[in-house]
């Protein structure tokens, strides 16, 4: 089992703790985490990424208990094993598309995928030397996906990747994520309130804010 969680609980300051459903996800599998705004979906994604630490429970990725890592060791582990597609691309404006992806290679300390080939696979090969400030919303989203894939991670986490897209582009983005994850043998987990995504990925769990302890 590539990703496995058990008895995860987390509480933001002044808020009741949320009890998250257990997750079991193998390499090549995809899972949706559905829930309304404020239900804790993004909190769960941040826990799985090691950006937050659970108050109770365990997260194991490729046999490694993430709670056993901290500081630089956790950063290196994340860089090598986890690719994150944030809701907003968070691209570095001073760098062109290629340089934004090269940064992912640099921080992960691994060579990863060929950037030119990856951008071509995502339909934006011609944008490699373009300023990220000139990209459309859809192009920026594809660059964000490319950055998450650049290090050939074992786990891809996507936070609301379709929230601002129309039906046609929603389908394109989900197909890109699932096909690329399958190509590199990665597990894919998408957190979203967008019920349209269930048309493309049938495996899902739901997070509800009232599941508190």
N, C-alpha and C. Protein backbone atom coordinates (compact mmCIF):
# COMPACT_ATOMS: atom_id res chain seq x y z
N UNK A 1 0.85 -1.20 0.00
CA UNK A 1 0.00 0.00 0.00
C UNK A 1 0.88 1.25 0.00
N UNK A 2 0.70 2.14 -0.98
CA UNK A 2 1.57 3.31 -1.09
C UNK A 2 1.22 4.35 -0.02
N UNK A 3 -0.06 4.70 0.09
CA UNK A 3 -0.50 5.70 1.07
C UNK A 3 -1.53 5.08 2.00
N UNK A 4 -1.29 5.23 3.29
CA UNK A 4 -2.21 4.66 4.26
C UNK A 4 -2.32 5.61 5.45
N UNK A 5 -3.56 5.94 5.84
CA UNK A 5 -3.77 6.78 7.02
C UNK A 5 -4.69 6.05 7.99
N UNK A 6 -4.55 6.39 9.26
CA UNK A 6 -5.43 5.80 10.27
C UNK A 6 -5.66 6.80 11.40
N UNK A 7 -6.93 6.89 11.83
CA UNK A 7 -7.33 7.67 13.02
C UNK A 7 -6.81 9.10 13.00
N UNK A 8 -6.85 9.77 11.83
CA UNK A 8 -6.36 11.14 11.74
C UNK A 8 -7.36 12.12 12.34
N UNK A 9 -6.87 12.99 13.23
CA UNK A 9 -7.66 14.08 13.79
C UNK A 9 -6.83 15.36 13.75
N UNK A 10 -7.52 16.46 13.46
CA UNK A 10 -6.83 17.76 13.48
C UNK A 10 -7.83 18.84 13.84
N UNK A 11 -7.39 19.80 14.64
CA UNK A 11 -8.25 20.93 15.03
C UNK A 11 -7.49 22.23 14.81
N UNK A 12 -8.10 23.14 14.07
CA UNK A 12 -7.56 24.49 13.98
C UNK A 12 -7.87 25.22 15.28
N UNK A 13 -7.07 26.24 15.64
CA UNK A 13 -7.28 26.94 16.91
C UNK A 13 -8.73 27.42 17.08
N UNK A 14 -9.32 27.07 18.20
CA UNK A 14 -10.68 27.50 18.49
C UNK A 14 -11.77 26.73 17.79
N UNK A 15 -11.39 25.67 17.05
CA UNK A 15 -12.35 24.88 16.29
C UNK A 15 -12.38 23.45 16.82
N UNK A 16 -13.53 22.76 16.69
CA UNK A 16 -13.55 21.34 17.09
C UNK A 16 -12.68 20.51 16.16
N UNK A 17 -12.18 19.41 16.70
CA UNK A 17 -11.32 18.53 15.90
C UNK A 17 -12.15 17.81 14.84
N UNK A 18 -11.55 17.63 13.67
CA UNK A 18 -12.17 16.87 12.58
C UNK A 18 -11.57 15.48 12.56
N UNK A 19 -12.43 14.47 12.49
CA UNK A 19 -11.98 13.09 12.36
C UNK A 19 -12.05 12.72 10.88
N UNK A 20 -10.90 12.39 10.29
CA UNK A 20 -10.85 12.12 8.85
C UNK A 20 -11.00 10.63 8.58
N UNK A 21 -11.70 10.29 7.49
CA UNK A 21 -11.82 8.88 7.11
C UNK A 21 -10.44 8.28 6.80
N UNK A 22 -10.30 6.99 7.05
CA UNK A 22 -9.05 6.30 6.72
C UNK A 22 -8.89 6.24 5.20
N UNK A 23 -7.65 6.32 4.76
CA UNK A 23 -7.34 6.27 3.33
C UNK A 23 -6.37 5.13 3.07
N UNK A 24 -6.66 4.37 2.03
CA UNK A 24 -5.73 3.37 1.52
C UNK A 24 -5.65 3.55 0.01
N UNK A 25 -4.47 3.84 -0.47
CA UNK A 25 -4.31 4.16 -1.88
C UNK A 25 -3.02 3.54 -2.39
N UNK A 26 -3.13 2.79 -3.48
CA UNK A 26 -1.95 2.13 -4.03
C UNK A 26 -1.42 2.91 -5.23
N UNK A 27 -0.22 2.60 -5.64
CA UNK A 27 0.38 3.23 -6.82
C UNK A 27 -0.53 3.02 -8.03
N UNK A 28 -0.74 4.08 -8.79
CA UNK A 28 -1.59 4.01 -9.97
C UNK A 28 -3.07 4.23 -9.71
N UNK A 29 -3.47 4.29 -8.43
CA UNK A 29 -4.89 4.50 -8.10
C UNK A 29 -5.20 5.98 -7.92
N UNK A 30 -6.48 6.33 -8.11
CA UNK A 30 -6.93 7.70 -7.93
C UNK A 30 -8.07 7.74 -6.93
N UNK A 31 -8.11 8.80 -6.12
CA UNK A 31 -9.14 8.95 -5.10
C UNK A 31 -9.58 10.40 -5.04
N UNK A 32 -10.90 10.62 -4.96
CA UNK A 32 -11.46 11.95 -4.71
C UNK A 32 -11.77 12.09 -3.23
N UNK A 33 -11.47 13.26 -2.69
CA UNK A 33 -11.93 13.62 -1.35
C UNK A 33 -12.92 14.76 -1.53
N UNK A 34 -14.20 14.45 -1.34
CA UNK A 34 -15.26 15.40 -1.57
C UNK A 34 -15.71 16.03 -0.26
N UNK A 35 -16.18 17.26 -0.34
CA UNK A 35 -16.70 17.94 0.83
C UNK A 35 -17.01 19.38 0.51
N UNK A 36 -17.92 19.95 1.28
CA UNK A 36 -18.28 21.35 1.07
C UNK A 36 -17.18 22.27 1.57
N UNK A 37 -17.27 23.54 1.22
CA UNK A 37 -16.31 24.53 1.68
C UNK A 37 -16.29 24.55 3.21
N UNK A 38 -15.11 24.50 3.80
CA UNK A 38 -14.99 24.51 5.25
C UNK A 38 -15.09 23.16 5.90
N UNK A 39 -15.20 22.10 5.10
CA UNK A 39 -15.37 20.76 5.67
C UNK A 39 -14.06 20.14 6.16
N UNK A 40 -12.93 20.69 5.72
CA UNK A 40 -11.63 20.15 6.13
C UNK A 40 -10.86 19.46 5.02
N UNK A 41 -11.34 19.58 3.78
CA UNK A 41 -10.67 18.91 2.66
C UNK A 41 -9.22 19.38 2.51
N UNK A 42 -9.03 20.70 2.49
CA UNK A 42 -7.68 21.23 2.30
C UNK A 42 -6.81 20.93 3.50
N UNK A 43 -7.41 20.91 4.69
CA UNK A 43 -6.66 20.51 5.89
C UNK A 43 -6.12 19.09 5.72
N UNK A 44 -6.96 18.19 5.21
CA UNK A 44 -6.52 16.82 4.97
C UNK A 44 -5.38 16.79 3.96
N UNK A 45 -5.50 17.54 2.88
CA UNK A 45 -4.43 17.58 1.88
C UNK A 45 -3.13 18.07 2.52
N UNK A 46 -3.21 19.11 3.35
CA UNK A 46 -2.01 19.64 4.00
C UNK A 46 -1.41 18.64 4.98
N UNK A 47 -2.24 17.83 5.62
CA UNK A 47 -1.74 16.76 6.49
C UNK A 47 -0.98 15.72 5.66
N UNK A 48 -1.59 15.31 4.54
CA UNK A 48 -0.96 14.30 3.69
C UNK A 48 0.35 14.80 3.09
N UNK A 49 0.44 16.10 2.86
CA UNK A 49 1.65 16.69 2.29
C UNK A 49 2.72 16.95 3.34
N UNK A 50 2.37 16.75 4.62
CA UNK A 50 3.34 17.04 5.68
C UNK A 50 3.46 18.51 5.98
N UNK A 51 2.52 19.32 5.50
CA UNK A 51 2.53 20.76 5.76
C UNK A 51 1.87 21.07 7.11
N UNK A 52 1.02 20.16 7.58
CA UNK A 52 0.45 20.20 8.92
C UNK A 52 0.73 18.85 9.59
N UNK A 53 0.73 18.83 10.90
CA UNK A 53 0.96 17.59 11.65
C UNK A 53 -0.32 17.20 12.37
N UNK A 54 -0.79 15.97 12.22
CA UNK A 54 -2.03 15.57 12.88
C UNK A 54 -1.86 15.55 14.40
N UNK A 55 -2.97 15.86 15.09
CA UNK A 55 -2.92 15.78 16.56
C UNK A 55 -2.92 14.33 17.02
N UNK A 56 -3.62 13.48 16.31
CA UNK A 56 -3.55 12.04 16.55
C UNK A 56 -3.59 11.34 15.20
N UNK A 57 -3.17 10.09 15.20
CA UNK A 57 -3.23 9.31 13.96
C UNK A 57 -1.91 9.23 13.25
N UNK A 58 -1.91 8.49 12.15
CA UNK A 58 -0.66 8.21 11.43
C UNK A 58 -0.87 8.29 9.93
N UNK A 59 0.15 8.79 9.26
CA UNK A 59 0.20 8.82 7.80
C UNK A 59 1.46 8.08 7.37
N UNK A 60 1.29 7.06 6.54
CA UNK A 60 2.43 6.34 6.00
C UNK A 60 2.44 6.49 4.48
N UNK A 61 3.57 6.92 3.95
CA UNK A 61 3.76 7.03 2.51
C UNK A 61 4.95 6.17 2.12
N UNK A 62 4.69 5.16 1.28
CA UNK A 62 5.72 4.23 0.84
C UNK A 62 6.45 3.61 2.04
N UNK A 63 5.67 3.29 3.08
CA UNK A 63 6.22 2.62 4.25
C UNK A 63 6.86 3.52 5.28
N UNK A 64 6.93 4.84 4.99
CA UNK A 64 7.56 5.78 5.92
C UNK A 64 6.49 6.52 6.71
N UNK A 65 6.58 6.46 8.04
CA UNK A 65 5.68 7.23 8.90
C UNK A 65 6.12 8.70 8.86
N UNK A 66 5.25 9.56 8.29
CA UNK A 66 5.67 10.95 8.10
C UNK A 66 5.87 11.68 9.41
N UNK A 67 5.22 11.21 10.48
CA UNK A 67 5.39 11.85 11.79
C UNK A 67 6.81 11.64 12.34
N UNK A 68 7.53 10.69 11.75
CA UNK A 68 8.90 10.43 12.20
C UNK A 68 9.90 11.40 11.57
N UNK A 69 9.42 12.22 10.63
CA UNK A 69 10.29 13.17 9.93
C UNK A 69 9.98 14.59 10.37
N UNK A 70 10.98 15.43 10.36
CA UNK A 70 10.75 16.84 10.66
C UNK A 70 11.82 17.68 9.99
N UNK A 71 11.56 18.97 9.93
CA UNK A 71 12.56 19.91 9.41
C UNK A 71 13.01 19.57 7.99
N UNK A 72 14.33 19.58 7.79
CA UNK A 72 14.89 19.37 6.46
C UNK A 72 14.60 17.97 5.94
N UNK A 73 14.59 16.98 6.81
CA UNK A 73 14.33 15.60 6.38
C UNK A 73 12.93 15.49 5.80
N UNK A 74 11.96 16.17 6.42
CA UNK A 74 10.59 16.15 5.90
C UNK A 74 10.51 16.90 4.57
N UNK A 75 11.21 18.02 4.47
CA UNK A 75 11.21 18.80 3.23
C UNK A 75 11.78 17.99 2.07
N UNK A 76 12.88 17.29 2.32
CA UNK A 76 13.51 16.47 1.28
C UNK A 76 12.59 15.32 0.88
N UNK A 77 11.98 14.66 1.89
CA UNK A 77 11.06 13.55 1.62
C UNK A 77 9.89 14.04 0.78
N UNK A 78 9.33 15.18 1.12
CA UNK A 78 8.21 15.74 0.36
C UNK A 78 8.63 16.06 -1.07
N UNK A 79 9.80 16.69 -1.21
CA UNK A 79 10.27 17.08 -2.53
C UNK A 79 10.47 15.89 -3.45
N UNK A 80 10.92 14.77 -2.90
CA UNK A 80 11.20 13.59 -3.71
C UNK A 80 9.95 12.76 -4.01
N UNK A 81 8.98 12.79 -3.10
CA UNK A 81 7.88 11.83 -3.18
C UNK A 81 6.49 12.40 -3.42
N UNK A 82 6.31 13.71 -3.22
CA UNK A 82 4.97 14.29 -3.31
C UNK A 82 4.97 15.47 -4.26
N UNK A 83 4.02 15.45 -5.22
CA UNK A 83 3.80 16.58 -6.11
C UNK A 83 2.47 17.22 -5.75
N UNK A 84 2.44 18.54 -5.61
CA UNK A 84 1.23 19.23 -5.17
C UNK A 84 0.76 20.21 -6.24
N UNK A 85 -0.52 20.08 -6.60
CA UNK A 85 -1.18 21.05 -7.50
C UNK A 85 -2.07 21.91 -6.61
N UNK A 86 -1.63 23.13 -6.35
CA UNK A 86 -2.40 24.01 -5.48
C UNK A 86 -3.59 24.61 -6.23
N UNK A 87 -4.57 25.11 -5.46
CA UNK A 87 -5.76 25.71 -6.06
C UNK A 87 -5.37 26.91 -6.93
N UNK A 88 -4.43 27.72 -6.44
CA UNK A 88 -3.86 28.81 -7.24
C UNK A 88 -2.43 28.39 -7.59
N UNK A 89 -2.00 28.63 -8.83
CA UNK A 89 -0.73 28.06 -9.30
C UNK A 89 0.51 28.43 -8.49
N UNK A 90 0.56 29.65 -7.89
CA UNK A 90 1.73 30.07 -7.11
C UNK A 90 3.03 29.94 -7.91
N UNK A 91 2.98 30.39 -9.16
CA UNK A 91 4.18 30.39 -9.98
C UNK A 91 5.02 31.63 -9.68
N UNK A 92 6.33 31.53 -9.87
CA UNK A 92 7.22 32.65 -9.56
C UNK A 92 7.28 33.58 -10.78
N UNK A 93 6.75 34.78 -10.60
CA UNK A 93 6.56 35.71 -11.72
C UNK A 93 7.87 36.10 -12.41
N UNK A 94 8.96 36.14 -11.66
CA UNK A 94 10.24 36.58 -12.23
C UNK A 94 10.87 35.52 -13.13
N UNK A 95 10.34 34.28 -13.09
CA UNK A 95 10.92 33.18 -13.87
C UNK A 95 9.98 32.77 -15.00
N UNK A 96 10.57 32.27 -16.10
CA UNK A 96 9.72 31.76 -17.17
C UNK A 96 9.21 30.35 -16.80
N UNK A 97 8.43 29.78 -17.70
CA UNK A 97 7.81 28.48 -17.41
C UNK A 97 8.86 27.41 -17.12
N UNK A 98 9.87 27.31 -17.98
CA UNK A 98 10.90 26.29 -17.81
C UNK A 98 11.62 26.45 -16.46
N UNK A 99 11.98 27.68 -16.11
CA UNK A 99 12.71 27.92 -14.87
C UNK A 99 11.86 27.57 -13.64
N UNK A 100 10.55 27.79 -13.71
CA UNK A 100 9.67 27.40 -12.61
C UNK A 100 9.73 25.90 -12.38
N UNK A 101 9.78 25.13 -13.47
CA UNK A 101 9.86 23.67 -13.33
C UNK A 101 11.24 23.20 -12.91
N UNK A 102 12.29 23.90 -13.38
CA UNK A 102 13.65 23.55 -12.97
C UNK A 102 13.83 23.72 -11.46
N UNK A 103 13.10 24.66 -10.87
CA UNK A 103 13.17 24.85 -9.42
C UNK A 103 12.70 23.59 -8.69
N UNK A 104 11.67 22.94 -9.23
CA UNK A 104 11.17 21.71 -8.61
C UNK A 104 12.26 20.65 -8.61
N UNK A 105 13.02 20.53 -9.70
CA UNK A 105 14.14 19.60 -9.75
C UNK A 105 15.19 19.96 -8.70
N UNK A 106 15.47 21.26 -8.60
CA UNK A 106 16.51 21.73 -7.68
C UNK A 106 16.16 21.40 -6.24
N UNK A 107 14.94 21.71 -5.83
CA UNK A 107 14.56 21.52 -4.43
C UNK A 107 14.38 20.04 -4.06
N UNK A 108 14.02 19.23 -5.05
CA UNK A 108 13.83 17.81 -4.75
C UNK A 108 15.15 17.03 -4.79
N UNK A 109 16.17 17.67 -5.33
CA UNK A 109 17.50 17.03 -5.45
C UNK A 109 17.43 15.75 -6.29
N UNK A 110 16.55 15.73 -7.29
CA UNK A 110 16.51 14.60 -8.22
C UNK A 110 16.26 15.13 -9.62
N UNK A 111 16.71 14.39 -10.60
CA UNK A 111 16.64 14.87 -11.98
C UNK A 111 15.22 14.98 -12.48
N UNK A 112 14.40 13.97 -12.22
CA UNK A 112 13.00 14.04 -12.63
C UNK A 112 12.79 13.94 -14.13
N UNK A 113 11.61 14.36 -14.56
CA UNK A 113 11.21 14.23 -15.96
C UNK A 113 11.83 15.32 -16.82
N UNK A 114 12.03 15.03 -18.10
CA UNK A 114 12.50 16.02 -19.06
C UNK A 114 11.45 17.11 -19.20
N UNK A 115 11.83 18.35 -18.93
CA UNK A 115 10.85 19.43 -18.85
C UNK A 115 10.20 19.72 -20.20
N UNK A 116 10.99 19.77 -21.25
CA UNK A 116 10.43 20.05 -22.57
C UNK A 116 9.42 18.99 -22.99
N UNK A 117 9.75 17.74 -22.74
CA UNK A 117 8.85 16.63 -23.09
C UNK A 117 7.57 16.70 -22.26
N UNK A 118 7.72 16.99 -20.98
CA UNK A 118 6.56 17.07 -20.09
C UNK A 118 5.62 18.19 -20.52
N UNK A 119 6.16 19.35 -20.82
CA UNK A 119 5.32 20.47 -21.26
C UNK A 119 4.61 20.14 -22.57
N UNK A 120 5.29 19.45 -23.46
CA UNK A 120 4.66 19.04 -24.72
C UNK A 120 3.52 18.08 -24.47
N UNK A 121 3.71 17.13 -23.55
CA UNK A 121 2.65 16.17 -23.22
C UNK A 121 1.41 16.89 -22.68
N UNK A 122 1.62 18.00 -22.00
CA UNK A 122 0.51 18.75 -21.43
C UNK A 122 -0.03 19.82 -22.37
N UNK A 123 0.50 19.84 -23.59
CA UNK A 123 -0.03 20.76 -24.61
C UNK A 123 0.45 22.18 -24.50
N UNK A 124 1.55 22.42 -23.77
CA UNK A 124 2.06 23.79 -23.62
C UNK A 124 3.56 23.85 -23.90
N UNK A 125 4.02 22.97 -24.79
CA UNK A 125 5.43 22.94 -25.14
C UNK A 125 5.94 24.27 -25.68
N UNK A 126 5.08 24.99 -26.40
CA UNK A 126 5.48 26.26 -26.99
C UNK A 126 5.64 27.37 -25.96
N UNK A 127 5.21 27.12 -24.75
CA UNK A 127 5.24 28.15 -23.70
C UNK A 127 6.47 28.03 -22.80
N UNK A 128 7.39 27.12 -23.10
CA UNK A 128 8.51 26.84 -22.19
C UNK A 128 9.30 28.08 -21.83
N UNK A 129 9.54 28.97 -22.78
CA UNK A 129 10.35 30.16 -22.51
C UNK A 129 9.50 31.39 -22.23
N UNK A 130 8.20 31.22 -22.11
CA UNK A 130 7.29 32.36 -21.89
C UNK A 130 7.28 32.79 -20.43
N UNK A 131 7.05 34.08 -20.21
CA UNK A 131 6.82 34.58 -18.86
C UNK A 131 5.52 33.99 -18.34
N UNK A 132 5.51 33.57 -17.09
CA UNK A 132 4.27 33.01 -16.54
C UNK A 132 3.18 34.07 -16.44
N UNK A 133 3.57 35.34 -16.50
CA UNK A 133 2.58 36.42 -16.42
C UNK A 133 1.78 36.56 -17.71
N UNK A 134 2.23 35.92 -18.78
CA UNK A 134 1.52 35.99 -20.06
C UNK A 134 0.57 34.81 -20.27
N UNK A 135 0.52 33.89 -19.32
CA UNK A 135 -0.27 32.68 -19.49
C UNK A 135 -1.74 32.91 -19.18
N UNK A 136 -2.61 32.18 -19.88
CA UNK A 136 -4.03 32.18 -19.54
C UNK A 136 -4.22 31.36 -18.26
N UNK A 137 -5.43 31.42 -17.71
CA UNK A 137 -5.70 30.66 -16.48
C UNK A 137 -5.52 29.16 -16.71
N UNK A 138 -6.00 28.68 -17.86
CA UNK A 138 -5.86 27.26 -18.17
C UNK A 138 -4.41 26.86 -18.36
N UNK A 139 -3.61 27.72 -19.01
CA UNK A 139 -2.19 27.44 -19.21
C UNK A 139 -1.44 27.43 -17.87
N UNK A 140 -1.79 28.37 -16.99
CA UNK A 140 -1.15 28.41 -15.67
C UNK A 140 -1.45 27.14 -14.89
N UNK A 141 -2.69 26.65 -15.02
CA UNK A 141 -3.05 25.41 -14.33
C UNK A 141 -2.23 24.25 -14.85
N UNK A 142 -2.00 24.21 -16.17
CA UNK A 142 -1.20 23.13 -16.76
C UNK A 142 0.26 23.21 -16.32
N UNK A 143 0.78 24.42 -16.18
CA UNK A 143 2.14 24.57 -15.68
C UNK A 143 2.22 24.09 -14.24
N UNK A 144 1.19 24.39 -13.46
CA UNK A 144 1.14 23.92 -12.08
C UNK A 144 1.13 22.39 -12.02
N UNK A 145 0.39 21.77 -12.92
CA UNK A 145 0.37 20.31 -13.00
C UNK A 145 1.74 19.79 -13.41
N UNK A 146 2.35 20.45 -14.40
CA UNK A 146 3.69 20.04 -14.86
C UNK A 146 4.70 20.12 -13.73
N UNK A 147 4.61 21.17 -12.92
CA UNK A 147 5.54 21.33 -11.79
C UNK A 147 5.36 20.18 -10.79
N UNK A 148 4.11 19.80 -10.55
CA UNK A 148 3.85 18.69 -9.62
C UNK A 148 4.38 17.37 -10.15
N UNK A 149 4.39 17.21 -11.48
CA UNK A 149 4.83 15.97 -12.11
C UNK A 149 6.34 15.93 -12.37
N UNK A 150 6.98 17.10 -12.31
CA UNK A 150 8.36 17.24 -12.79
C UNK A 150 9.34 16.32 -12.08
N UNK A 151 9.07 16.00 -10.83
CA UNK A 151 10.01 15.17 -10.07
C UNK A 151 9.62 13.69 -10.06
N UNK A 152 8.65 13.31 -10.92
CA UNK A 152 8.14 11.93 -10.95
C UNK A 152 7.77 11.44 -9.54
N UNK A 153 6.87 12.16 -8.85
CA UNK A 153 6.54 11.82 -7.47
C UNK A 153 5.76 10.51 -7.37
N UNK A 154 5.74 9.95 -6.16
CA UNK A 154 4.95 8.74 -5.92
C UNK A 154 3.49 9.08 -5.60
N UNK A 155 3.26 10.30 -5.08
CA UNK A 155 1.92 10.74 -4.71
C UNK A 155 1.69 12.14 -5.28
N UNK A 156 0.57 12.32 -5.98
CA UNK A 156 0.18 13.63 -6.49
C UNK A 156 -1.06 14.09 -5.72
N UNK A 157 -0.98 15.27 -5.12
CA UNK A 157 -2.09 15.85 -4.38
C UNK A 157 -2.58 17.09 -5.14
N UNK A 158 -3.87 17.16 -5.41
CA UNK A 158 -4.43 18.29 -6.16
C UNK A 158 -5.54 18.93 -5.35
N UNK A 159 -5.42 20.23 -5.11
CA UNK A 159 -6.39 20.98 -4.30
C UNK A 159 -7.31 21.79 -5.21
N UNK A 160 -8.56 21.35 -5.33
CA UNK A 160 -9.58 22.05 -6.13
C UNK A 160 -9.06 22.44 -7.52
N UNK A 161 -8.52 21.49 -8.29
CA UNK A 161 -7.89 21.85 -9.57
C UNK A 161 -8.88 22.31 -10.63
N UNK A 162 -10.19 22.11 -10.42
CA UNK A 162 -11.17 22.46 -11.45
C UNK A 162 -12.14 23.55 -10.99
N UNK A 163 -11.91 24.15 -9.84
CA UNK A 163 -12.92 25.03 -9.24
C UNK A 163 -13.27 26.23 -10.10
N UNK A 164 -12.32 26.71 -10.91
CA UNK A 164 -12.59 27.90 -11.71
C UNK A 164 -12.71 27.59 -13.20
N UNK A 165 -12.87 26.31 -13.54
CA UNK A 165 -12.87 25.90 -14.95
C UNK A 165 -14.27 25.53 -15.42
N UNK A 166 -14.51 25.74 -16.72
CA UNK A 166 -15.78 25.31 -17.30
C UNK A 166 -15.76 23.80 -17.52
N UNK A 167 -16.88 23.25 -17.98
CA UNK A 167 -17.00 21.79 -18.10
C UNK A 167 -15.93 21.19 -19.01
N UNK A 168 -15.68 21.85 -20.15
CA UNK A 168 -14.71 21.31 -21.11
C UNK A 168 -13.31 21.26 -20.52
N UNK A 169 -12.90 22.36 -19.88
CA UNK A 169 -11.55 22.40 -19.32
C UNK A 169 -11.43 21.55 -18.06
N UNK A 170 -12.54 21.40 -17.33
CA UNK A 170 -12.54 20.48 -16.19
C UNK A 170 -12.21 19.07 -16.65
N UNK A 171 -12.87 18.63 -17.72
CA UNK A 171 -12.62 17.29 -18.25
C UNK A 171 -11.17 17.15 -18.71
N UNK A 172 -10.63 18.19 -19.37
CA UNK A 172 -9.26 18.14 -19.85
C UNK A 172 -8.26 18.02 -18.70
N UNK A 173 -8.47 18.81 -17.64
CA UNK A 173 -7.54 18.81 -16.52
C UNK A 173 -7.57 17.46 -15.79
N UNK A 174 -8.76 16.91 -15.57
CA UNK A 174 -8.86 15.62 -14.88
C UNK A 174 -8.22 14.52 -15.73
N UNK A 175 -8.44 14.56 -17.03
CA UNK A 175 -7.82 13.57 -17.91
C UNK A 175 -6.30 13.69 -17.88
N UNK A 176 -5.79 14.93 -17.87
CA UNK A 176 -4.35 15.14 -17.79
C UNK A 176 -3.79 14.57 -16.49
N UNK A 177 -4.46 14.88 -15.38
CA UNK A 177 -3.98 14.41 -14.09
C UNK A 177 -3.98 12.88 -14.01
N UNK A 178 -5.09 12.27 -14.42
CA UNK A 178 -5.19 10.81 -14.31
C UNK A 178 -4.24 10.11 -15.26
N UNK A 179 -4.13 10.62 -16.49
CA UNK A 179 -3.26 9.96 -17.48
C UNK A 179 -1.79 10.10 -17.10
N UNK A 180 -1.40 11.30 -16.62
CA UNK A 180 0.00 11.50 -16.25
C UNK A 180 0.36 10.72 -14.99
N UNK A 181 -0.57 10.67 -14.02
CA UNK A 181 -0.32 9.89 -12.81
C UNK A 181 -0.13 8.42 -13.17
N UNK A 182 -1.00 7.93 -14.05
CA UNK A 182 -0.90 6.54 -14.48
C UNK A 182 0.41 6.27 -15.20
N UNK A 183 0.84 7.24 -16.01
CA UNK A 183 2.06 7.08 -16.80
C UNK A 183 3.30 6.92 -15.92
N UNK A 184 3.34 7.64 -14.79
CA UNK A 184 4.52 7.56 -13.92
C UNK A 184 4.29 6.62 -12.73
N UNK A 185 3.09 5.98 -12.70
CA UNK A 185 2.81 5.02 -11.64
C UNK A 185 2.58 5.65 -10.28
N UNK A 186 2.08 6.88 -10.28
CA UNK A 186 1.84 7.60 -9.03
C UNK A 186 0.40 7.42 -8.56
N UNK A 187 0.19 7.52 -7.26
CA UNK A 187 -1.17 7.61 -6.72
C UNK A 187 -1.62 9.06 -6.85
N UNK A 188 -2.91 9.26 -7.11
CA UNK A 188 -3.47 10.59 -7.30
C UNK A 188 -4.61 10.80 -6.32
N UNK A 189 -4.54 11.89 -5.56
CA UNK A 189 -5.61 12.25 -4.64
C UNK A 189 -6.03 13.69 -4.91
N UNK A 190 -7.31 13.86 -5.21
CA UNK A 190 -7.86 15.18 -5.53
C UNK A 190 -8.86 15.58 -4.47
N UNK A 191 -8.68 16.74 -3.85
CA UNK A 191 -9.69 17.25 -2.93
C UNK A 191 -10.51 18.31 -3.67
N UNK A 192 -11.83 18.21 -3.57
CA UNK A 192 -12.68 19.10 -4.35
C UNK A 192 -14.10 19.13 -3.79
N UNK A 193 -14.79 20.24 -4.07
CA UNK A 193 -16.24 20.28 -3.81
C UNK A 193 -16.99 20.12 -5.13
N UNK A 194 -16.24 19.96 -6.23
CA UNK A 194 -16.79 19.92 -7.58
C UNK A 194 -17.32 18.52 -7.89
N UNK A 195 -18.64 18.40 -7.83
CA UNK A 195 -19.24 17.07 -8.05
C UNK A 195 -19.04 16.57 -9.48
N UNK A 196 -18.69 17.46 -10.42
CA UNK A 196 -18.47 17.04 -11.81
C UNK A 196 -17.32 16.04 -11.91
N UNK A 197 -16.36 16.13 -10.99
CA UNK A 197 -15.17 15.29 -11.08
C UNK A 197 -15.53 13.83 -10.87
N UNK A 198 -16.65 13.56 -10.16
CA UNK A 198 -17.08 12.18 -9.95
C UNK A 198 -17.42 11.48 -11.27
N UNK A 199 -17.70 12.27 -12.32
CA UNK A 199 -17.96 11.67 -13.63
C UNK A 199 -16.71 11.02 -14.21
N UNK A 200 -15.54 11.38 -13.68
CA UNK A 200 -14.28 10.91 -14.24
C UNK A 200 -13.52 10.00 -13.29
N UNK A 201 -13.76 10.14 -11.97
CA UNK A 201 -13.10 9.29 -10.97
C UNK A 201 -14.18 8.81 -10.01
N UNK A 202 -14.43 7.51 -10.02
CA UNK A 202 -15.56 6.98 -9.25
C UNK A 202 -15.20 6.68 -7.80
N UNK A 203 -13.90 6.52 -7.51
CA UNK A 203 -13.46 6.18 -6.16
C UNK A 203 -13.40 7.45 -5.31
N UNK A 204 -14.22 7.55 -4.25
CA UNK A 204 -14.23 8.77 -3.47
C UNK A 204 -14.59 8.51 -2.00
N UNK A 205 -14.16 9.46 -1.16
CA UNK A 205 -14.60 9.52 0.23
C UNK A 205 -15.11 10.93 0.47
N UNK A 206 -15.89 11.12 1.53
CA UNK A 206 -16.42 12.45 1.86
C UNK A 206 -15.92 12.89 3.22
N UNK A 207 -15.58 14.18 3.31
CA UNK A 207 -15.19 14.79 4.57
C UNK A 207 -16.30 15.73 5.00
N UNK A 208 -16.72 15.61 6.24
CA UNK A 208 -17.81 16.46 6.75
C UNK A 208 -17.35 17.13 8.04
N UNK A 209 -17.60 18.45 8.11
CA UNK A 209 -17.10 19.23 9.23
C UNK A 209 -17.68 18.76 10.56
N UNK A 210 -18.90 18.16 10.53
CA UNK A 210 -19.51 17.75 11.80
C UNK A 210 -18.93 16.45 12.33
N UNK A 211 -18.01 15.84 11.56
CA UNK A 211 -17.36 14.61 12.05
C UNK A 211 -16.27 14.99 13.05
N UNK A 212 -16.70 15.53 14.19
CA UNK A 212 -15.75 16.04 15.17
C UNK A 212 -15.73 15.16 16.41
N UNK A 213 -14.70 15.39 17.22
CA UNK A 213 -14.58 14.62 18.46
C UNK A 213 -14.38 15.56 19.63
